[in-house]
Amino acid sequence: MRHLFPLFIVLSCLLTFLPGCEPKEDLVQTSGRLEFAADTVLFDTVFTTIQTVTKRLWVYNRNSGAVKTDVRLAGTAGTTYSLVINGDAGPAASGITIRGNDSLLVLVRAVLGDNGQATIARKFIVDDELRFLTNGNDQNVKLVAYGQNAYFHRGDRITANTTWRTDRPHVIFNAPAARAGGAINVGVYVLPGITLTVPKGARIYSHAGAIILVDGSLRVNDDFQPPSGTTNDTVKASNANIVRFQGDRLEPGYANIPGQWGGIFFTGSSRNNSIRYAEIKNATFGALLYNPDATTPRPSLALSNTVIRNISGANISFANASASNGGGVISYSGDVTATNCLFTNCGEYAMIGIGGNYALNFCTIANYTPAFRRETSSLTFTNIDDNKPTTKLPTSVSIRNSIVWGSFEDELFVKNFADYSPTINNSLLRTKEYATNTTVIGSTGANLLNVDPLFKRTSLVSSKPDYTLQDGSPATTPRRAPFGTVPPRDLLNLIRPGSGNLQPSLGAYEHK
């Protein structure tokens, strides 16, 4: 053994002079190009001065060996686009090694400047290039952003009667705003006695959690007069005169996602509010009337020819357990009328009223919620506040000529109905609990119960639902005599018959 020891010493010395076995994918080669997950990084509809979401660009080295690349913006650094390359922020990076069959992640953001254009429908393009120089190969990926100028509101206080302009959209962010009793975090605050008017065609986009708080009055689309000629003079869902409230995430994936912003909040001092020919979508609540002390006169809201859809949320910050999740309309001792309105895809309630007065006429509640399970009735009314169980609040409920339907077997709940005797006439209802309760649903034949209204397409079967009625729908055949006032036109501005053999259809849409 002692004779082998010198041999081990010699072999150890020889091994120190042998080259290391570097993995092939780490060996830098002097040829080869890169591949990209996309040839363009696109930002579609970006509000100016606001930083965009972050887009990802994956860069692939499909070669067996490593390559070195230099990355930079082709345009002036710091003007529009910003980068994070391989984890480091900056407009450029040199000598980045990408191992063989590996990848590099580049993060891209943008902030567009206001270019002075003032047309709500006009967008402008800001483009640049992300350039990669690899082994003499100059490759690029386009950076494209479609910009939209806007009016921005961050805790704005409306202190005098104001009419918003419509040449640009309005974008709302929560920020502290002074209010009696202390500052509040809101997007827009309308002071008591003040009226904010939102004219036809306005577009309002709200950031996450943002709300419009109204101590005074909100008037939406008072100035729009729909055509009054032939039966073909329709106001389609795409009509440019409709006022639209929604979240500020404009990517296609957010088009129908509930809970993206707060909603419109009317306090106990708010009066004479009107929302007509409008769409309110993707919020925690569409409209919230909050009058916790049940003072009179109550806050009031008149809804007409309005669509409220894609509504859901949780943990609304006001003290009432009955309305702790969200809804198309949430009212605590408020007065609400709704005519020719559609409520759909409301995750908790289409409308919930705790005390107050509620009147629905020719409305369609088509509350299918395919994305989440719902165990609450779309229309829910009670005269009891859970926090004051011994106090009965003045309450009245009227549902006429309407459709109340959805994915839950009881889409109507009227708690303590004997105290306020709801009036429900000539309506189609999905109700198991009240199917034989004449105190709630009236005499035999006064309403249609538990028969499918046969909408053309629901959200259960289509990403583009259509809640107009099929031929043969029980809501239109046979024609039933209406109960009470018949609006001359429906949600789409189609003429409603009002007498004789041609009686109007139930719900918001007249069937032709």
Protein backbone atom coordinates (compact mmCIF):
# COMPACT_ATOMS: atom_id res chain seq x y z
CA MET A 1 0.00 0.00 0.00
CA ARG A 2 2.84 2.39 0.82
CA HIS A 3 4.11 1.89 -2.75
CA LEU A 4 0.74 3.12 -4.17
CA PHE A 5 0.70 6.35 -2.18
CA PRO A 6 3.21 8.19 -4.45
CA LEU A 7 1.04 7.17 -7.42
CA PHE A 8 -2.02 8.83 -5.84
CA ILE A 9 -0.01 12.03 -5.37
CA VAL A 10 1.01 12.09 -9.05
CA LEU A 11 -2.57 11.44 -10.26
CA SER A 12 -3.95 14.23 -8.06
CA CYS A 13 -1.47 16.69 -9.51
CA LEU A 14 -2.37 15.68 -13.07
CA LEU A 15 -6.12 16.17 -12.42
CA THR A 16 -5.56 19.80 -11.46
CA PHE A 17 -4.38 20.53 -15.02
CA LEU A 18 -7.40 18.91 -16.75
CA PRO A 19 -10.12 21.30 -18.15
CA GLY A 20 -13.47 21.44 -16.27
CA CYS A 21 -16.56 19.81 -17.78
CA GLU A 22 -18.85 22.85 -18.21
CA PRO A 23 -22.44 21.95 -19.14
CA LYS A 24 -23.19 22.52 -22.82
CA GLU A 25 -26.10 24.87 -22.09
CA ASP A 26 -23.72 27.18 -20.19
CA LEU A 27 -21.19 27.42 -23.03
CA VAL A 28 -21.65 30.78 -24.75
CA GLN A 29 -21.95 30.35 -28.50
CA THR A 30 -21.19 33.03 -31.08
CA SER A 31 -24.18 32.36 -33.33
CA GLY A 32 -27.91 31.99 -32.85
CA ARG A 33 -31.00 34.19 -32.51
CA LEU A 34 -33.77 34.64 -29.97
CA GLU A 35 -37.46 33.84 -30.18
CA PHE A 36 -40.28 35.82 -28.56
CA ALA A 37 -43.64 34.86 -27.09
CA ALA A 38 -45.22 37.73 -29.08
CA ASP A 39 -44.11 40.19 -31.71
CA THR A 40 -46.04 43.03 -30.01
CA VAL A 41 -46.72 44.08 -26.42
CA LEU A 42 -50.10 45.79 -26.64
CA PHE A 43 -51.78 48.12 -24.14
CA ASP A 44 -55.34 48.63 -25.35
CA THR A 45 -57.06 51.81 -24.13
CA VAL A 46 -54.75 53.40 -21.58
CA PHE A 47 -55.92 56.45 -19.66
CA THR A 48 -53.26 59.15 -19.85
CA THR A 49 -51.06 60.00 -16.82
CA ILE A 50 -52.02 56.70 -15.12
CA GLN A 51 -49.52 53.83 -15.00
CA THR A 52 -50.72 50.78 -16.86
CA VAL A 53 -50.84 47.21 -15.70
CA THR A 54 -47.61 45.27 -16.14
CA LYS A 55 -47.32 43.16 -19.29
CA ARG A 56 -44.95 40.19 -19.56
CA LEU A 57 -42.74 39.37 -22.51
CA TRP A 58 -41.02 36.00 -22.52
CA VAL A 59 -37.80 35.79 -24.52
CA TYR A 60 -36.61 32.30 -25.49
CA ASN A 61 -33.18 30.95 -26.36
CA ARG A 62 -33.97 27.83 -28.37
CA ASN A 63 -30.28 27.13 -29.01
CA SER A 64 -28.46 24.33 -27.22
CA GLY A 65 -25.79 26.73 -25.96
CA ALA A 66 -25.98 30.02 -24.08
CA VAL A 67 -26.16 33.41 -25.80
CA LYS A 68 -25.44 36.93 -24.63
CA THR A 69 -27.81 39.73 -25.56
CA ASP A 70 -28.13 43.49 -25.11
CA VAL A 71 -31.64 44.84 -24.48
CA ARG A 72 -32.79 48.46 -24.80
CA LEU A 73 -35.68 50.70 -25.72
CA ALA A 74 -35.37 52.19 -29.19
CA GLY A 75 -37.05 55.45 -28.15
CA THR A 76 -36.16 58.02 -25.55
CA ALA A 77 -35.86 56.36 -22.16
CA GLY A 78 -38.28 57.44 -19.48
CA THR A 79 -40.87 59.07 -21.74
CA THR A 80 -43.58 56.40 -22.05
CA TYR A 81 -42.39 52.85 -21.43
CA SER A 82 -40.43 51.42 -18.51
CA LEU A 83 -38.80 48.00 -18.21
CA VAL A 84 -37.78 45.43 -15.66
CA ILE A 85 -35.21 43.16 -17.32
CA ASN A 86 -34.12 40.01 -15.55
CA GLY A 87 -35.33 41.53 -12.26
CA ASP A 88 -33.58 44.88 -12.68
CA ALA A 89 -35.45 48.10 -13.51
CA GLY A 90 -34.05 50.27 -16.25
CA PRO A 91 -34.37 51.20 -19.93
CA ALA A 92 -31.51 48.91 -21.00
CA ALA A 93 -29.31 46.01 -19.94
CA SER A 94 -26.11 44.72 -21.52
CA GLY A 95 -24.48 41.32 -21.68
CA ILE A 96 -27.37 39.30 -20.32
CA THR A 97 -26.67 35.57 -20.54
CA ILE A 98 -29.55 33.28 -21.45
CA ARG A 99 -28.63 29.64 -21.01
CA GLY A 100 -29.37 27.13 -23.71
CA ASN A 101 -33.07 26.22 -23.95
CA ASP A 102 -33.87 28.77 -21.27
CA SER A 103 -35.80 32.04 -21.19
CA LEU A 104 -35.68 35.65 -20.04
CA LEU A 105 -38.64 37.62 -18.63
CA VAL A 106 -39.06 41.29 -19.49
CA LEU A 107 -41.76 43.31 -17.70
CA VAL A 108 -43.18 46.33 -19.51
CA ARG A 109 -45.26 49.23 -18.18
CA ALA A 110 -46.37 52.51 -19.69
CA VAL A 111 -47.49 55.98 -18.68
CA LEU A 112 -48.90 58.05 -21.55
CA GLY A 113 -48.98 61.81 -21.59
CA ASP A 114 -52.06 63.86 -22.44
CA ASN A 115 -51.82 64.85 -26.10
CA GLY A 116 -54.58 67.45 -25.92
CA GLN A 117 -57.22 65.59 -27.90
CA ALA A 118 -60.71 66.00 -26.49
CA THR A 119 -62.95 63.52 -28.28
CA ILE A 120 -64.40 60.71 -26.19
CA ALA A 121 -64.33 58.21 -29.05
CA ARG A 122 -60.83 59.06 -30.28
CA LYS A 123 -57.75 57.18 -29.19
CA PHE A 124 -54.14 57.88 -30.10
CA ILE A 125 -51.21 55.53 -30.51
CA VAL A 126 -47.86 55.73 -28.73
CA ASP A 127 -45.40 53.15 -29.98
CA ASP A 128 -41.80 52.15 -29.41
CA GLU A 129 -39.56 49.12 -29.89
CA LEU A 130 -37.77 46.80 -27.53
CA ARG A 131 -34.49 45.90 -29.28
CA PHE A 132 -32.35 42.81 -28.71
CA LEU A 133 -28.81 42.59 -30.11
CA THR A 134 -27.63 38.97 -30.04
CA ASN A 135 -24.57 37.66 -31.93
CA GLY A 136 -24.92 40.43 -34.49
CA ASN A 137 -28.65 39.82 -34.91
CA ASP A 138 -30.75 42.93 -34.32
CA GLN A 139 -34.28 41.83 -33.37
CA ASN A 140 -37.19 43.87 -32.05
CA VAL A 141 -40.58 43.58 -30.37
CA LYS A 142 -43.10 46.37 -30.92
CA LEU A 143 -44.55 48.26 -27.96
CA VAL A 144 -47.97 49.76 -28.73
CA ALA A 145 -50.35 51.67 -26.46
CA TYR A 146 -53.70 53.14 -27.42
CA GLY A 147 -54.12 56.24 -25.29
CA GLN A 148 -57.30 57.92 -24.09
CA ASN A 149 -57.35 61.34 -22.49
CA ALA A 150 -59.72 61.72 -19.55
CA TYR A 151 -60.96 63.91 -16.73
CA PHE A 152 -59.59 62.57 -13.46
CA HIS A 153 -61.36 62.79 -10.10
CA ARG A 154 -59.50 62.04 -6.88
CA GLY A 155 -61.59 62.89 -3.84
CA ASP A 156 -63.28 65.71 -5.77
CA ARG A 157 -65.78 67.81 -3.80
CA ILE A 158 -68.70 69.06 -5.89
CA THR A 159 -69.48 72.34 -4.11
CA ALA A 160 -71.69 74.00 -6.75
CA ASN A 161 -74.22 72.70 -9.24
CA THR A 162 -72.08 71.01 -11.88
CA THR A 163 -72.61 69.38 -15.25
CA TRP A 164 -69.84 67.06 -16.35
CA ARG A 165 -68.43 67.43 -19.82
CA THR A 166 -68.68 64.50 -22.21
CA ASP A 167 -65.81 65.19 -24.60
CA ARG A 168 -63.59 62.89 -22.53
CA PRO A 169 -64.33 59.99 -20.19
CA HIS A 170 -64.23 60.54 -16.43
CA VAL A 171 -61.90 58.38 -14.33
CA ILE A 172 -62.47 58.18 -10.57
CA PHE A 173 -59.98 57.28 -7.82
CA ASN A 174 -60.64 57.26 -4.09
CA ALA A 175 -58.83 59.94 -2.10
CA PRO A 176 -59.55 61.84 1.15
CA ALA A 177 -62.30 64.45 0.79
CA ALA A 178 -63.44 66.88 3.48
CA ARG A 179 -66.94 66.23 4.80
CA ALA A 180 -68.85 67.29 7.88
CA GLY A 181 -67.72 65.02 10.69
CA GLY A 182 -64.30 64.35 9.18
CA ALA A 183 -62.56 63.48 5.93
CA ILE A 184 -63.77 60.47 3.97
CA ASN A 185 -62.12 58.38 1.30
CA VAL A 186 -64.18 58.76 -1.88
CA GLY A 187 -63.76 59.37 -5.58
CA VAL A 188 -66.39 62.09 -5.96
CA TYR A 189 -68.39 63.76 -3.18
CA VAL A 190 -71.56 65.75 -3.94
CA LEU A 191 -72.27 68.11 -1.04
CA PRO A 192 -75.75 68.58 0.49
CA GLY A 193 -78.02 70.79 -1.59
CA ILE A 194 -75.78 70.44 -4.66
CA THR A 195 -76.69 68.69 -7.91
CA LEU A 196 -74.23 66.80 -10.12
CA THR A 197 -75.62 66.32 -13.63
CA VAL A 198 -74.19 63.59 -15.88
CA PRO A 199 -75.36 64.22 -19.46
CA LYS A 200 -76.10 61.77 -22.24
CA GLY A 201 -73.17 59.82 -23.62
CA ALA A 202 -70.93 60.26 -20.57
CA ARG A 203 -68.47 57.48 -19.70
CA ILE A 204 -67.46 57.01 -16.07
CA TYR A 205 -64.65 54.59 -15.15
CA SER A 206 -63.90 53.93 -11.48
CA HIS A 207 -60.77 52.45 -9.93
CA ALA A 208 -60.87 49.58 -7.44
CA GLY A 209 -63.03 50.49 -4.44
CA ALA A 210 -63.90 53.97 -5.72
CA ILE A 211 -67.36 55.35 -4.94
CA ILE A 212 -69.49 58.34 -5.86
CA LEU A 213 -70.92 59.69 -2.59
CA VAL A 214 -74.04 61.83 -2.90
CA ASP A 215 -75.27 63.97 -0.01
CA GLY A 216 -77.05 66.19 -2.54
CA SER A 217 -78.56 65.06 -5.86
CA LEU A 218 -77.38 63.05 -8.85
CA ARG A 219 -79.14 63.46 -12.19
CA VAL A 220 -78.08 61.05 -14.94
CA ASN A 221 -79.14 61.48 -18.57
CA ASP A 222 -81.95 63.96 -18.00
CA ASP A 223 -81.17 65.50 -21.39
CA PHE A 224 -81.62 62.41 -23.59
CA GLN A 225 -84.88 62.28 -25.52
CA PRO A 226 -85.17 58.99 -27.42
CA PRO A 227 -86.83 58.87 -30.85
CA SER A 228 -90.61 59.03 -30.70
CA GLY A 229 -91.57 58.10 -34.23
CA THR A 230 -92.03 54.58 -35.56
CA THR A 231 -91.77 51.29 -33.73
CA ASN A 232 -88.31 50.83 -35.24
CA ASP A 233 -86.83 53.82 -33.42
CA THR A 234 -84.89 51.70 -30.97
CA VAL A 235 -82.34 52.58 -28.31
CA LYS A 236 -80.08 49.56 -28.53
CA ALA A 237 -77.65 48.50 -25.83
CA SER A 238 -74.81 49.97 -27.89
CA ASN A 239 -76.46 53.40 -28.26
CA ALA A 240 -73.92 56.20 -27.83
CA ASN A 241 -76.33 58.26 -25.70
CA ILE A 242 -76.42 55.72 -22.86
CA VAL A 243 -74.43 56.80 -19.79
CA ARG A 244 -72.09 54.04 -18.66
CA PHE A 245 -70.58 53.44 -15.22
CA GLN A 246 -67.95 50.69 -14.92
CA GLY A 247 -64.49 49.81 -13.61
CA ASP A 248 -61.32 51.21 -15.14
CA ARG A 249 -59.82 47.85 -16.12
CA LEU A 250 -60.53 47.81 -19.85
CA GLU A 251 -58.77 44.57 -20.79
CA PRO A 252 -61.20 42.05 -22.37
CA GLY A 253 -60.75 39.64 -19.45
CA TYR A 254 -62.35 42.19 -17.10
CA ALA A 255 -65.38 42.98 -19.28
CA ASN A 256 -67.86 41.12 -17.07
CA ILE A 257 -66.11 40.73 -13.72
CA PRO A 258 -68.19 41.93 -10.70
CA GLY A 259 -66.84 43.94 -7.78
CA GLN A 260 -64.22 46.01 -9.63
CA TRP A 261 -65.30 49.29 -8.00
CA GLY A 262 -67.59 50.45 -5.23
CA GLY A 263 -70.76 52.00 -6.65
CA ILE A 264 -73.01 55.04 -6.21
CA PHE A 265 -73.76 55.83 -2.56
CA PHE A 266 -76.74 58.02 -1.60
CA THR A 267 -76.83 59.19 2.01
CA GLY A 268 -79.84 60.00 4.16
CA SER A 269 -79.77 63.64 3.07
CA SER A 270 -79.82 62.84 -0.66
CA ARG A 271 -82.96 63.81 -2.58
CA ASN A 272 -84.43 63.86 -6.07
CA ASN A 273 -81.99 61.41 -7.68
CA SER A 274 -82.65 60.08 -11.16
CA ILE A 275 -80.76 57.59 -13.34
CA ARG A 276 -82.20 57.00 -16.79
CA TYR A 277 -80.86 55.38 -19.97
CA ALA A 278 -77.78 54.17 -18.14
CA GLU A 279 -75.70 51.05 -17.57
CA ILE A 280 -74.10 50.32 -14.21
CA LYS A 281 -71.86 47.27 -14.23
CA ASN A 282 -68.98 45.41 -12.58
CA ALA A 283 -69.44 47.07 -9.17
CA THR A 284 -69.93 45.98 -5.57
CA PHE A 285 -73.30 47.70 -5.58
CA GLY A 286 -75.05 49.62 -8.31
CA ALA A 287 -76.84 52.07 -6.03
CA LEU A 288 -76.80 52.17 -2.24
CA LEU A 289 -79.30 54.30 -0.31
CA TYR A 290 -78.25 54.53 3.32
CA ASN A 291 -80.59 56.11 5.83
CA PRO A 292 -79.73 54.28 9.09
CA ASP A 293 -81.90 56.50 11.29
CA ALA A 294 -84.95 56.03 9.03
CA THR A 295 -85.42 59.80 8.83
CA THR A 296 -88.01 61.39 6.56
CA PRO A 297 -88.10 62.53 3.90
CA ARG A 298 -86.17 59.48 2.81
CA PRO A 299 -83.39 59.45 0.19
CA SER A 300 -85.00 58.77 -3.17
CA LEU A 301 -83.90 57.27 -6.48
CA ALA A 302 -85.86 56.88 -9.72
CA LEU A 303 -84.40 54.33 -12.14
CA SER A 304 -85.71 54.10 -15.67
CA ASN A 305 -84.51 52.34 -18.82
CA THR A 306 -81.37 51.29 -16.98
CA VAL A 307 -79.36 48.04 -16.89
CA ILE A 308 -77.59 46.96 -13.70
CA ARG A 309 -75.42 43.90 -14.18
CA ASN A 310 -72.34 42.02 -12.96
CA ILE A 311 -72.66 43.12 -9.34
CA SER A 312 -71.14 41.44 -6.29
CA GLY A 313 -68.96 42.18 -3.31
CA ALA A 314 -68.35 41.58 0.38
CA ASN A 315 -67.80 43.50 3.61
CA ILE A 316 -69.57 46.72 2.72
CA SER A 317 -68.59 49.17 5.44
CA PHE A 318 -71.93 50.05 6.95
CA ALA A 319 -73.65 48.42 9.89
CA ASN A 320 -76.38 46.19 8.57
CA ALA A 321 -75.92 42.45 8.43
CA SER A 322 -78.85 41.98 6.05
CA ALA A 323 -77.00 43.81 3.29
CA SER A 324 -73.41 42.86 3.94
CA ASN A 325 -72.53 41.46 0.53
CA GLY A 326 -73.64 43.66 -2.31
CA GLY A 327 -76.49 44.11 -4.74
CA GLY A 328 -77.82 45.92 -7.76
CA VAL A 329 -79.76 48.23 -5.44
CA ILE A 330 -79.26 48.18 -1.66
CA SER A 331 -81.60 50.44 0.26
CA TYR A 332 -81.82 51.13 3.95
CA SER A 333 -84.99 53.17 4.47
CA GLY A 334 -84.90 54.70 1.02
CA ASP A 335 -87.48 55.19 -1.71
CA VAL A 336 -86.77 53.44 -5.01
CA THR A 337 -88.80 53.25 -8.20
CA ALA A 338 -87.66 51.22 -11.21
CA THR A 339 -89.34 51.24 -14.62
CA ASN A 340 -88.15 49.40 -17.74
CA CYS A 341 -85.02 48.18 -15.95
CA LEU A 342 -82.96 44.99 -16.27
CA PHE A 343 -81.13 43.48 -13.30
CA THR A 344 -78.85 40.55 -14.13
CA ASN A 345 -75.85 38.64 -12.78
CA CYS A 346 -76.11 40.19 -9.32
CA GLY A 347 -74.24 37.88 -7.00
CA GLU A 348 -76.21 38.51 -3.82
CA TYR A 349 -79.27 40.64 -4.56
CA ALA A 350 -80.80 42.38 -7.55
CA MET A 351 -82.55 44.61 -4.99
CA ILE A 352 -82.68 44.48 -1.21
CA GLY A 353 -84.76 46.90 0.84
CA ILE A 354 -84.69 47.24 4.62
CA GLY A 355 -87.54 49.63 5.33
CA GLY A 356 -88.62 52.23 2.77
CA ASN A 357 -90.78 52.23 -0.35
CA TYR A 358 -90.15 50.13 -3.47
CA ALA A 359 -92.06 50.12 -6.74
CA LEU A 360 -91.04 48.03 -9.76
CA ASN A 361 -93.00 48.32 -12.99
CA PHE A 362 -92.19 46.49 -16.23
CA CYS A 363 -88.80 45.33 -14.95
CA THR A 364 -86.89 42.14 -15.76
CA ILE A 365 -84.90 40.41 -13.04
CA ALA A 366 -82.94 37.72 -14.89
CA ASN A 367 -80.51 36.83 -12.18
CA TYR A 368 -78.40 33.94 -13.39
CA THR A 369 -75.03 33.79 -11.64
CA PRO A 370 -73.03 31.07 -13.41
CA ALA A 371 -69.68 32.13 -11.93
CA PHE A 372 -70.69 31.72 -8.28
CA ARG A 373 -73.27 30.04 -6.08
CA ARG A 374 -76.06 32.25 -4.80
CA GLU A 375 -78.39 31.40 -1.90
CA THR A 376 -80.21 34.72 -1.57
CA SER A 377 -83.41 35.82 -3.27
CA SER A 378 -82.95 38.37 -6.03
CA LEU A 379 -85.70 40.59 -4.61
CA THR A 380 -85.50 40.73 -0.81
CA PHE A 381 -87.49 43.07 1.41
CA THR A 382 -87.88 43.36 5.16
CA ASN A 383 -89.15 45.86 7.70
CA ILE A 384 -86.67 44.76 10.37
CA ASP A 385 -83.11 45.92 10.83
CA ASP A 386 -81.04 43.05 12.20
CA ASN A 387 -79.26 45.51 14.48
CA LYS A 388 -82.59 46.81 15.87
CA PRO A 389 -84.78 43.71 15.93
CA THR A 390 -87.54 45.30 18.02
CA THR A 391 -88.07 48.24 15.67
CA LYS A 392 -90.37 47.87 12.69
CA LEU A 393 -89.56 50.21 9.82
CA PRO A 394 -92.25 51.69 7.55
CA THR A 395 -92.16 49.56 4.39
CA SER A 396 -94.12 49.18 1.17
CA VAL A 397 -93.45 46.93 -1.83
CA SER A 398 -95.10 47.01 -5.24
CA ILE A 399 -94.13 44.71 -8.13
CA ARG A 400 -96.18 45.08 -11.30
CA ASN A 401 -95.98 43.75 -14.85
CA SER A 402 -92.50 42.38 -14.20
CA ILE A 403 -90.46 39.18 -14.53
CA VAL A 404 -88.66 37.91 -11.42
CA TRP A 405 -86.57 34.91 -12.46
CA GLY A 406 -83.13 33.41 -12.01
CA SER A 407 -81.15 30.38 -10.96
CA PHE A 408 -82.48 30.24 -7.36
CA GLU A 409 -85.80 28.50 -6.64
CA ASP A 410 -87.02 31.41 -4.50
CA GLU A 411 -86.22 34.69 -6.25
CA LEU A 412 -88.60 36.64 -4.01
CA PHE A 413 -88.38 37.01 -0.23
CA VAL A 414 -90.63 39.39 1.73
CA LYS A 415 -89.85 39.02 5.39
CA ASN A 416 -92.69 39.89 7.79
CA PHE A 417 -94.97 40.47 4.79
CA ALA A 418 -98.06 40.55 7.02
CA ASP A 419 -96.86 43.89 8.40
CA TYR A 420 -96.86 45.71 5.07
CA SER A 421 -98.86 43.54 2.60
CA PRO A 422 -96.82 43.70 -0.63
CA THR A 423 -98.70 44.42 -3.85
CA ILE A 424 -97.69 42.02 -6.61
CA ASN A 425 -99.77 42.01 -9.79
CA ASN A 426 -99.50 40.68 -13.33
CA SER A 427 -95.93 39.45 -12.88
CA LEU A 428 -94.08 36.24 -13.62
CA LEU A 429 -92.38 34.96 -10.48
CA ARG A 430 -90.08 32.13 -9.53
CA THR A 431 -91.15 31.31 -5.99
CA LYS A 432 -91.47 28.09 -4.08
CA GLU A 433 -92.13 29.64 -0.68
CA TYR A 434 -95.07 31.82 -1.73
CA ALA A 435 -96.57 29.61 -4.45
CA THR A 436 -99.81 29.20 -2.48
CA ASN A 437 -99.64 32.31 -0.30
CA THR A 438 -102.37 34.65 -1.52
CA THR A 439 -101.31 37.37 0.93
CA VAL A 440 -98.09 37.75 -1.05
CA ILE A 441 -98.99 36.78 -4.61
CA GLY A 442 -102.65 37.79 -4.64
CA SER A 443 -105.65 35.89 -5.85
CA THR A 444 -105.47 32.90 -8.20
CA GLY A 445 -104.36 34.02 -11.64
CA ALA A 446 -103.11 37.43 -10.55
CA ASN A 447 -99.55 36.34 -11.38
CA LEU A 448 -97.76 33.64 -13.34
CA LEU A 449 -95.82 31.31 -11.06
CA ASN A 450 -92.83 29.07 -11.73
CA VAL A 451 -93.09 28.97 -15.52
CA ASP A 452 -89.93 29.62 -17.49
CA PRO A 453 -90.16 33.05 -19.17
CA LEU A 454 -88.19 31.71 -22.14
CA PHE A 455 -85.54 34.38 -22.54
CA LYS A 456 -83.75 34.16 -25.87
CA ARG A 457 -80.34 33.42 -24.33
CA THR A 458 -79.28 33.32 -20.71
CA SER A 459 -75.77 33.58 -19.31
CA LEU A 460 -75.95 29.86 -18.53
CA VAL A 461 -75.64 29.06 -22.23
CA SER A 462 -74.01 32.11 -23.80
CA SER A 463 -71.38 34.73 -23.09
CA LYS A 464 -73.73 37.19 -24.82
CA PRO A 465 -77.07 36.73 -23.07
CA ASP A 466 -80.24 38.21 -24.50
CA TYR A 467 -83.15 38.71 -22.11
CA THR A 468 -85.71 39.60 -24.71
CA LEU A 469 -88.47 37.00 -25.04
CA GLN A 470 -88.84 34.05 -27.37
CA ASP A 471 -91.98 33.49 -29.40
CA GLY A 472 -94.44 31.65 -27.21
CA SER A 473 -93.05 33.02 -23.94
CA PRO A 474 -95.67 32.91 -21.16
CA ALA A 475 -94.68 36.53 -20.45
CA THR A 476 -96.18 37.56 -23.78
CA THR A 477 -98.56 34.79 -24.91
CA PRO A 478 -101.41 35.06 -24.24
CA ARG A 479 -101.35 38.81 -23.75
CA ARG A 480 -102.45 39.85 -20.27
CA ALA A 481 -104.10 43.09 -19.27
CA PRO A 482 -101.50 45.31 -17.56
CA PHE A 483 -101.83 46.49 -13.99
CA GLY A 484 -101.43 50.21 -13.39
CA THR A 485 -99.41 52.61 -15.53
CA VAL A 486 -97.98 51.40 -18.85
CA PRO A 487 -94.86 53.28 -20.00
CA PRO A 488 -95.26 54.18 -23.68
CA ARG A 489 -91.95 52.55 -24.65
CA ASP A 490 -89.84 49.64 -23.38
CA LEU A 491 -86.15 49.43 -22.46
CA LEU A 492 -85.20 49.42 -26.16
CA ASN A 493 -87.68 52.23 -26.96
CA LEU A 494 -90.12 49.88 -28.69
CA ILE A 495 -93.74 51.02 -28.48
CA ARG A 496 -95.82 49.22 -25.87
CA PRO A 497 -99.47 48.59 -26.69
CA GLY A 498 -101.77 49.69 -23.93
CA SER A 499 -105.31 48.69 -24.73
CA GLY A 500 -107.54 46.31 -26.64
CA ASN A 501 -106.33 42.89 -27.71
CA LEU A 502 -102.74 44.06 -28.06
CA GLN A 503 -101.60 44.15 -24.46
CA PRO A 504 -97.97 44.75 -23.44
CA SER A 505 -95.47 42.00 -22.63
CA LEU A 506 -94.25 41.50 -19.09
CA GLY A 507 -90.82 42.73 -18.15
CA ALA A 508 -88.49 45.35 -19.55
CA TYR A 509 -88.65 44.15 -23.17
CA GLU A 510 -91.70 44.35 -25.40
CA HIS A 511 -92.02 41.29 -27.64
CA LYS A 512 -92.80 41.94 -31.29
